[in-house]
């Protein structure tokens, strides 16, 4: 999932070659950033969907009137 950057091994004097430790804090930060961006995208999709429903709601209420209600002279 995450690409690790190849780092040269760290040579410790008198002890041989030590392997570089993975940077768990960096990986966690990257996961958190990805998670936040996905949550933001989801929030925007929901907001767009809600605005779409709000735009359609007035049109449906206009069509739901009883026939003859707006006809001039229908009061008599």
N, C-alpha and C. Protein backbone atom coordinates (compact mmCIF):
# COMPACT_ATOMS: atom_id res chain seq x y z
N UNK A 1 0.82 -1.19 0.00
CA UNK A 1 0.00 0.00 0.00
C UNK A 1 0.87 1.25 0.00
N UNK A 2 1.84 1.30 0.87
CA UNK A 2 2.72 2.45 0.91
C UNK A 2 4.06 2.08 0.33
N UNK A 3 4.62 3.00 -0.41
CA UNK A 3 5.94 2.77 -0.97
C UNK A 3 6.98 3.19 0.05
N UNK A 4 7.86 2.29 0.34
CA UNK A 4 8.94 2.63 1.26
C UNK A 4 10.13 3.08 0.44
N UNK A 5 10.76 4.12 0.87
CA UNK A 5 11.92 4.63 0.18
C UNK A 5 13.11 3.78 0.62
N UNK A 6 13.86 3.31 -0.37
CA UNK A 6 15.03 2.49 -0.05
C UNK A 6 16.11 3.38 0.54
N UNK A 7 16.51 3.07 1.76
CA UNK A 7 17.56 3.84 2.41
C UNK A 7 18.77 2.94 2.59
N UNK A 8 19.94 3.52 2.48
CA UNK A 8 21.13 2.69 2.66
C UNK A 8 21.24 2.22 4.10
N UNK A 9 21.81 1.06 4.33
CA UNK A 9 21.95 0.57 5.70
C UNK A 9 22.86 1.48 6.52
N UNK A 10 22.58 1.56 7.79
CA UNK A 10 23.37 2.38 8.69
C UNK A 10 24.50 1.51 9.26
N UNK A 11 25.70 2.00 9.12
CA UNK A 11 26.86 1.24 9.62
C UNK A 11 27.22 1.78 10.99
N UNK A 12 27.16 0.89 11.97
CA UNK A 12 27.51 1.27 13.33
C UNK A 12 28.92 0.72 13.58
N UNK A 13 29.79 1.60 14.03
CA UNK A 13 31.20 1.23 14.20
C UNK A 13 31.36 0.07 15.18
N UNK A 14 32.03 -0.97 14.74
CA UNK A 14 32.33 -2.10 15.59
C UNK A 14 31.19 -3.10 15.74
N UNK A 15 30.03 -2.83 15.22
CA UNK A 15 28.89 -3.74 15.40
C UNK A 15 28.39 -4.32 14.08
N UNK A 16 28.93 -3.92 13.01
CA UNK A 16 28.48 -4.44 11.73
C UNK A 16 27.43 -3.54 11.12
N UNK A 17 26.54 -4.16 10.37
CA UNK A 17 25.52 -3.39 9.64
C UNK A 17 24.20 -3.46 10.41
N UNK A 18 23.63 -2.31 10.67
CA UNK A 18 22.32 -2.24 11.31
C UNK A 18 21.29 -1.89 10.23
N UNK A 19 20.14 -2.47 10.34
CA UNK A 19 19.08 -2.22 9.37
C UNK A 19 18.32 -0.97 9.79
N UNK A 20 17.99 -0.14 8.81
CA UNK A 20 17.23 1.08 9.09
C UNK A 20 15.82 0.70 9.55
N UNK A 21 15.34 1.38 10.56
CA UNK A 21 14.01 1.11 11.10
C UNK A 21 12.95 1.80 10.23
N UNK A 22 11.81 1.17 10.09
CA UNK A 22 10.73 1.85 9.36
C UNK A 22 10.19 3.03 10.18
N UNK A 23 9.77 4.03 9.49
CA UNK A 23 9.25 5.23 10.14
C UNK A 23 7.73 5.07 10.29
N UNK A 24 7.32 4.49 11.39
CA UNK A 24 5.90 4.21 11.61
C UNK A 24 5.07 5.49 11.75
N UNK A 25 5.66 6.52 12.32
CA UNK A 25 4.93 7.78 12.48
C UNK A 25 4.59 8.38 11.11
N UNK A 26 5.53 8.30 10.17
CA UNK A 26 5.29 8.82 8.83
C UNK A 26 4.18 8.03 8.15
N UNK A 27 4.25 6.69 8.26
CA UNK A 27 3.23 5.85 7.64
C UNK A 27 1.85 6.12 8.24
N UNK A 28 1.80 6.29 9.55
CA UNK A 28 0.52 6.58 10.21
C UNK A 28 -0.03 7.92 9.73
N UNK A 29 0.83 8.91 9.62
CA UNK A 29 0.41 10.23 9.14
C UNK A 29 -0.15 10.13 7.72
N UNK A 30 0.49 9.35 6.87
CA UNK A 30 0.01 9.18 5.50
C UNK A 30 -1.34 8.49 5.49
N UNK A 31 -1.53 7.48 6.33
CA UNK A 31 -2.83 6.80 6.42
C UNK A 31 -3.91 7.77 6.88
N UNK A 32 -3.58 8.58 7.90
CA UNK A 32 -4.55 9.55 8.41
C UNK A 32 -4.92 10.58 7.36
N UNK A 33 -3.93 11.05 6.60
CA UNK A 33 -4.21 12.04 5.54
C UNK A 33 -5.12 11.43 4.48
N UNK A 34 -4.84 10.19 4.10
CA UNK A 34 -5.67 9.52 3.10
C UNK A 34 -7.09 9.33 3.62
N UNK A 35 -7.20 8.95 4.89
CA UNK A 35 -8.52 8.75 5.51
C UNK A 35 -9.31 10.06 5.53
N UNK A 36 -8.65 11.15 5.90
CA UNK A 36 -9.33 12.46 5.94
C UNK A 36 -9.78 12.89 4.57
N UNK A 37 -8.94 12.65 3.55
CA UNK A 37 -9.33 13.06 2.20
C UNK A 37 -10.53 12.25 1.73
N UNK A 38 -10.58 10.96 2.05
CA UNK A 38 -11.73 10.14 1.67
C UNK A 38 -12.99 10.61 2.39
N UNK A 39 -12.86 10.96 3.68
CA UNK A 39 -14.01 11.44 4.43
C UNK A 39 -14.52 12.76 3.85
N UNK A 40 -13.59 13.63 3.45
CA UNK A 40 -13.99 14.91 2.85
C UNK A 40 -14.71 14.68 1.53
N UNK A 41 -14.19 13.76 0.69
CA UNK A 41 -14.86 13.44 -0.57
C UNK A 41 -16.27 12.90 -0.32
N UNK A 42 -16.40 12.05 0.68
CA UNK A 42 -17.71 11.48 1.00
C UNK A 42 -18.67 12.56 1.48
N UNK A 43 -18.16 13.49 2.30
CA UNK A 43 -18.99 14.59 2.79
C UNK A 43 -19.47 15.45 1.63
N UNK A 44 -18.59 15.72 0.67
CA UNK A 44 -18.96 16.54 -0.48
C UNK A 44 -20.00 15.82 -1.35
N UNK A 45 -19.83 14.50 -1.53
CA UNK A 45 -20.81 13.74 -2.32
C UNK A 45 -22.19 13.80 -1.66
N UNK A 46 -22.22 13.63 -0.34
CA UNK A 46 -23.50 13.70 0.38
C UNK A 46 -24.12 15.08 0.25
N UNK A 47 -23.29 16.12 0.35
CA UNK A 47 -23.78 17.49 0.25
C UNK A 47 -24.36 17.75 -1.14
N UNK A 48 -23.67 17.28 -2.19
CA UNK A 48 -24.18 17.45 -3.55
C UNK A 48 -25.49 16.71 -3.74
N UNK A 49 -25.57 15.50 -3.18
CA UNK A 49 -26.80 14.71 -3.30
C UNK A 49 -27.95 15.41 -2.59
N UNK A 50 -27.68 15.98 -1.42
CA UNK A 50 -28.72 16.67 -0.65
C UNK A 50 -29.18 17.92 -1.40
N UNK A 51 -28.24 18.67 -1.98
CA UNK A 51 -28.61 19.87 -2.73
C UNK A 51 -29.43 19.49 -3.96
N UNK A 52 -29.13 18.36 -4.57
CA UNK A 52 -29.90 17.89 -5.72
C UNK A 52 -31.33 17.58 -5.33
N UNK A 53 -31.51 16.98 -4.15
CA UNK A 53 -32.85 16.67 -3.67
C UNK A 53 -33.61 17.95 -3.34
N UNK A 54 -32.93 18.95 -2.77
CA UNK A 54 -33.58 20.21 -2.44
C UNK A 54 -34.03 20.94 -3.70
N UNK A 55 -33.25 20.83 -4.77
CA UNK A 55 -33.61 21.48 -6.03
C UNK A 55 -34.84 20.83 -6.65
N UNK A 56 -35.00 19.54 -6.47
CA UNK A 56 -36.13 18.82 -7.05
C UNK A 56 -37.39 18.95 -6.21
N UNK A 57 -37.27 19.18 -4.95
CA UNK A 57 -38.42 19.23 -4.05
C UNK A 57 -39.44 20.31 -4.43
N UNK A 58 -39.06 21.56 -4.73
CA UNK A 58 -40.07 22.56 -5.10
C UNK A 58 -40.81 22.20 -6.38
N UNK A 59 -40.14 21.62 -7.34
CA UNK A 59 -40.79 21.25 -8.60
C UNK A 59 -41.86 20.19 -8.35
N UNK A 60 -41.59 19.26 -7.48
CA UNK A 60 -42.58 18.22 -7.18
C UNK A 60 -43.78 18.80 -6.45
N UNK A 61 -43.58 19.77 -5.57
CA UNK A 61 -44.70 20.34 -4.83
C UNK A 61 -45.60 21.16 -5.76
N UNK A 62 -45.04 21.79 -6.79
CA UNK A 62 -45.85 22.54 -7.74
C UNK A 62 -46.74 21.60 -8.54
N UNK A 63 -46.24 20.44 -8.88
CA UNK A 63 -47.01 19.48 -9.66
C UNK A 63 -48.04 18.75 -8.81
N UNK A 64 -47.94 18.84 -7.51
CA UNK A 64 -48.85 18.09 -6.66
C UNK A 64 -50.12 18.88 -6.32
N UNK A 65 -50.28 20.06 -6.89
CA UNK A 65 -51.51 20.84 -6.64
C UNK A 65 -52.70 20.18 -7.32
N UNK A 66 -53.87 20.45 -6.78
CA UNK A 66 -55.08 19.89 -7.37
C UNK A 66 -55.39 20.62 -8.67
N UNK A 67 -55.88 19.92 -9.65
CA UNK A 67 -56.21 20.57 -10.94
C UNK A 67 -57.32 21.61 -10.73
N UNK A 68 -57.20 22.71 -11.46
CA UNK A 68 -58.22 23.75 -11.40
C UNK A 68 -57.99 24.76 -10.29
N UNK A 69 -56.98 24.62 -9.48
CA UNK A 69 -56.75 25.54 -8.37
C UNK A 69 -56.22 26.88 -8.85
N UNK A 70 -55.45 26.91 -9.94
CA UNK A 70 -54.85 28.16 -10.42
C UNK A 70 -55.62 28.75 -11.61
N UNK A 71 -56.71 28.17 -11.97
CA UNK A 71 -57.44 28.63 -13.13
C UNK A 71 -58.25 29.85 -12.72
N UNK A 72 -58.08 30.98 -13.45
CA UNK A 72 -58.87 32.16 -13.11
C UNK A 72 -60.37 31.89 -13.32
N UNK A 73 -61.17 32.36 -12.43
CA UNK A 73 -62.61 32.18 -12.53
C UNK A 73 -63.08 30.87 -11.93
N UNK A 74 -62.16 30.10 -11.35
CA UNK A 74 -62.56 28.82 -10.77
C UNK A 74 -63.14 29.01 -9.37
N UNK A 75 -63.11 30.25 -8.85
CA UNK A 75 -63.62 30.53 -7.52
C UNK A 75 -65.16 30.44 -7.49
N UNK A 76 -65.79 30.61 -8.57
CA UNK A 76 -67.25 30.66 -8.60
C UNK A 76 -67.91 29.34 -8.57
